[in-house]
N, C-alpha and C. Protein backbone atom coordinates (compact mmCIF):
# COMPACT_ATOMS: atom_id res chain seq x y z
N MET A 1 40.91 -15.58 28.67
CA MET A 1 40.13 -16.13 27.58
C MET A 1 38.70 -15.60 27.66
N ALA A 2 38.20 -15.13 26.56
CA ALA A 2 36.87 -14.53 26.50
C ALA A 2 35.78 -15.61 26.47
N MET A 3 34.60 -15.21 26.89
CA MET A 3 33.45 -16.11 26.84
C MET A 3 32.60 -15.78 25.61
N GLN A 4 31.99 -16.80 25.06
CA GLN A 4 31.09 -16.62 23.93
C GLN A 4 29.67 -16.37 24.47
N PRO A 5 28.87 -15.58 23.74
CA PRO A 5 27.49 -15.31 24.19
C PRO A 5 26.69 -16.60 24.43
N ALA A 6 26.87 -17.59 23.59
CA ALA A 6 26.12 -18.85 23.75
C ALA A 6 26.48 -19.55 25.06
N GLU A 7 27.72 -19.43 25.49
CA GLU A 7 28.16 -20.04 26.75
C GLU A 7 27.52 -19.32 27.94
N ILE A 8 27.45 -18.00 27.88
CA ILE A 8 26.81 -17.22 28.94
C ILE A 8 25.34 -17.61 29.03
N GLU A 9 24.69 -17.65 27.87
CA GLU A 9 23.27 -18.02 27.82
C GLU A 9 23.04 -19.42 28.37
N ALA A 10 23.89 -20.36 28.00
CA ALA A 10 23.74 -21.75 28.46
C ALA A 10 23.88 -21.85 29.97
N LEU A 11 24.82 -21.13 30.55
CA LEU A 11 25.01 -21.17 32.00
C LEU A 11 23.79 -20.60 32.72
N ILE A 12 23.27 -19.49 32.20
CA ILE A 12 22.09 -18.88 32.82
C ILE A 12 20.89 -19.81 32.71
N LYS A 13 20.70 -20.40 31.54
CA LYS A 13 19.55 -21.29 31.33
C LYS A 13 19.68 -22.59 32.13
N ALA A 14 20.89 -23.01 32.41
CA ALA A 14 21.08 -24.21 33.24
C ALA A 14 20.57 -23.96 34.65
N ALA A 15 20.77 -22.74 35.15
CA ALA A 15 20.33 -22.39 36.49
C ALA A 15 18.88 -21.92 36.53
N LEU A 16 18.44 -21.30 35.44
CA LEU A 16 17.08 -20.75 35.35
C LEU A 16 16.45 -21.27 34.06
N PRO A 17 15.98 -22.51 34.05
CA PRO A 17 15.54 -23.16 32.81
C PRO A 17 14.45 -22.43 32.02
N ASP A 18 13.61 -21.66 32.72
CA ASP A 18 12.53 -20.96 32.03
C ASP A 18 12.96 -19.60 31.48
N ALA A 19 14.20 -19.22 31.72
CA ALA A 19 14.66 -17.87 31.39
C ALA A 19 14.65 -17.58 29.89
N GLN A 20 14.24 -16.37 29.59
CA GLN A 20 14.43 -15.81 28.25
C GLN A 20 15.68 -14.95 28.37
N VAL A 21 16.69 -15.27 27.59
CA VAL A 21 17.99 -14.61 27.73
C VAL A 21 18.39 -13.98 26.40
N THR A 22 18.78 -12.71 26.47
CA THR A 22 19.32 -12.01 25.32
C THR A 22 20.69 -11.48 25.71
N ILE A 23 21.69 -11.80 24.91
CA ILE A 23 23.07 -11.37 25.19
C ILE A 23 23.54 -10.46 24.06
N GLU A 24 24.15 -9.33 24.43
CA GLU A 24 24.70 -8.40 23.44
C GLU A 24 26.17 -8.15 23.77
N ASP A 25 27.04 -8.30 22.78
CA ASP A 25 28.46 -8.01 22.95
C ASP A 25 28.65 -6.50 22.78
N LEU A 26 28.96 -5.81 23.85
CA LEU A 26 29.01 -4.35 23.83
C LEU A 26 30.24 -3.78 23.15
N ALA A 27 31.37 -4.47 23.23
CA ALA A 27 32.61 -3.91 22.72
C ALA A 27 33.21 -4.74 21.59
N GLY A 28 32.63 -5.87 21.28
CA GLY A 28 33.17 -6.72 20.23
C GLY A 28 34.42 -7.47 20.65
N ASP A 29 34.70 -7.48 21.96
CA ASP A 29 35.94 -8.11 22.44
C ASP A 29 35.70 -9.40 23.22
N GLY A 30 34.43 -9.80 23.38
CA GLY A 30 34.13 -11.02 24.11
C GLY A 30 34.29 -10.89 25.61
N ASP A 31 34.49 -9.68 26.10
CA ASP A 31 34.68 -9.45 27.54
C ASP A 31 33.62 -8.54 28.15
N HIS A 32 32.92 -7.78 27.32
CA HIS A 32 31.95 -6.80 27.81
C HIS A 32 30.60 -7.08 27.17
N TYR A 33 29.67 -7.58 28.00
CA TYR A 33 28.36 -7.96 27.50
C TYR A 33 27.25 -7.25 28.27
N ALA A 34 26.10 -7.20 27.63
CA ALA A 34 24.86 -6.81 28.30
C ALA A 34 23.92 -8.01 28.18
N ALA A 35 23.23 -8.32 29.26
CA ALA A 35 22.30 -9.44 29.25
C ALA A 35 20.95 -8.98 29.79
N THR A 36 19.91 -9.40 29.09
CA THR A 36 18.55 -9.23 29.57
C THR A 36 18.03 -10.62 29.91
N VAL A 37 17.59 -10.79 31.14
CA VAL A 37 17.14 -12.10 31.60
C VAL A 37 15.75 -11.95 32.22
N VAL A 38 14.79 -12.70 31.68
CA VAL A 38 13.43 -12.68 32.19
C VAL A 38 13.11 -14.09 32.67
N SER A 39 12.74 -14.22 33.95
CA SER A 39 12.47 -15.53 34.52
C SER A 39 11.42 -15.42 35.62
N GLU A 40 10.55 -16.40 35.67
CA GLU A 40 9.55 -16.46 36.74
C GLU A 40 10.23 -16.58 38.11
N ALA A 41 11.43 -17.14 38.14
CA ALA A 41 12.17 -17.31 39.40
C ALA A 41 12.48 -15.96 40.05
N PHE A 42 12.44 -14.87 39.29
CA PHE A 42 12.73 -13.54 39.83
C PHE A 42 11.53 -12.91 40.54
N ARG A 43 10.34 -13.46 40.33
CA ARG A 43 9.14 -12.85 40.91
C ARG A 43 9.26 -12.77 42.43
N GLY A 44 9.00 -11.57 42.95
CA GLY A 44 9.06 -11.34 44.39
C GLY A 44 10.45 -11.09 44.93
N LYS A 45 11.46 -11.16 44.08
CA LYS A 45 12.85 -10.93 44.50
C LYS A 45 13.25 -9.48 44.19
N SER A 46 14.12 -8.94 45.02
CA SER A 46 14.65 -7.60 44.76
C SER A 46 15.58 -7.66 43.55
N ARG A 47 15.87 -6.51 42.99
CA ARG A 47 16.79 -6.44 41.85
C ARG A 47 18.16 -7.03 42.23
N VAL A 48 18.62 -6.74 43.44
CA VAL A 48 19.90 -7.27 43.90
C VAL A 48 19.85 -8.79 43.95
N GLN A 49 18.78 -9.36 44.49
CA GLN A 49 18.65 -10.81 44.55
C GLN A 49 18.61 -11.43 43.15
N GLN A 50 17.92 -10.77 42.23
CA GLN A 50 17.85 -11.26 40.85
C GLN A 50 19.25 -11.30 40.24
N HIS A 51 20.01 -10.24 40.42
CA HIS A 51 21.36 -10.17 39.86
C HIS A 51 22.26 -11.22 40.52
N GLN A 52 22.10 -11.42 41.81
CA GLN A 52 22.88 -12.44 42.50
C GLN A 52 22.60 -13.82 41.92
N MET A 53 21.35 -14.08 41.57
CA MET A 53 20.99 -15.37 40.97
C MET A 53 21.69 -15.56 39.63
N VAL A 54 21.77 -14.51 38.84
CA VAL A 54 22.45 -14.60 37.54
C VAL A 54 23.95 -14.79 37.75
N TYR A 55 24.54 -14.01 38.66
CA TYR A 55 25.98 -14.18 38.93
C TYR A 55 26.29 -15.58 39.43
N ALA A 56 25.43 -16.13 40.27
CA ALA A 56 25.63 -17.50 40.77
C ALA A 56 25.58 -18.49 39.60
N ALA A 57 24.71 -18.24 38.65
CA ALA A 57 24.59 -19.11 37.48
C ALA A 57 25.87 -19.11 36.64
N LEU A 58 26.63 -18.03 36.71
CA LEU A 58 27.87 -17.92 35.92
C LEU A 58 29.05 -18.63 36.59
N ARG A 59 28.80 -19.20 37.75
CA ARG A 59 29.77 -20.08 38.43
C ARG A 59 31.18 -19.50 38.55
N GLY A 60 31.28 -18.29 39.04
CA GLY A 60 32.59 -17.70 39.32
C GLY A 60 33.34 -17.15 38.12
N ARG A 61 32.70 -17.09 36.97
CA ARG A 61 33.41 -16.58 35.79
C ARG A 61 33.43 -15.05 35.71
N MET A 62 32.56 -14.39 36.48
CA MET A 62 32.58 -12.92 36.51
C MET A 62 33.91 -12.45 37.08
N GLY A 63 34.49 -11.46 36.43
CA GLY A 63 35.76 -10.92 36.88
C GLY A 63 36.96 -11.69 36.37
N GLY A 64 36.73 -12.86 35.79
CA GLY A 64 37.81 -13.65 35.21
C GLY A 64 37.61 -13.73 33.70
N GLU A 65 36.98 -14.81 33.27
CA GLU A 65 36.70 -14.98 31.84
C GLU A 65 35.75 -13.92 31.31
N LEU A 66 34.88 -13.44 32.18
CA LEU A 66 33.89 -12.45 31.81
C LEU A 66 34.17 -11.18 32.60
N HIS A 67 34.66 -10.17 31.91
CA HIS A 67 35.11 -8.96 32.58
C HIS A 67 33.94 -8.09 33.05
N ALA A 68 32.94 -7.88 32.18
CA ALA A 68 31.84 -6.99 32.52
C ALA A 68 30.53 -7.51 31.95
N LEU A 69 29.48 -7.44 32.78
CA LEU A 69 28.16 -7.87 32.34
C LEU A 69 27.13 -6.89 32.90
N ALA A 70 26.55 -6.10 32.00
CA ALA A 70 25.47 -5.20 32.40
C ALA A 70 24.18 -6.02 32.39
N LEU A 71 23.49 -6.04 33.51
CA LEU A 71 22.30 -6.89 33.65
C LEU A 71 21.02 -6.10 33.71
N GLN A 72 20.01 -6.62 33.02
CA GLN A 72 18.63 -6.18 33.16
C GLN A 72 17.85 -7.46 33.47
N THR A 73 17.22 -7.51 34.62
CA THR A 73 16.48 -8.70 35.01
C THR A 73 15.05 -8.34 35.37
N SER A 74 14.13 -9.29 35.15
CA SER A 74 12.75 -9.07 35.53
C SER A 74 11.99 -10.39 35.49
N ALA A 75 10.83 -10.40 36.14
CA ALA A 75 9.89 -11.50 36.01
C ALA A 75 9.04 -11.22 34.79
N PRO A 76 8.44 -12.25 34.19
CA PRO A 76 7.58 -12.03 33.02
C PRO A 76 6.37 -11.16 33.40
N ASP A 77 5.87 -10.42 32.42
CA ASP A 77 4.68 -9.58 32.65
C ASP A 77 3.46 -10.41 32.89
């Protein structure tokens, strides 16, 4: 079962309440998305740590309901 962009955004915002989240459906199939996530929580963290935080927010749905997620993460300017 595919995930909706709003569900992905809600999960990320639940874990990172200040996050600015943009979700793009890359293939139109509900399985392949790109997400841009900007959060103060990322400040001082490596890119790997930032991505781990987003994956943790998705609560195990990566690889199951959500097949692919291209991530761009950063702290606010």
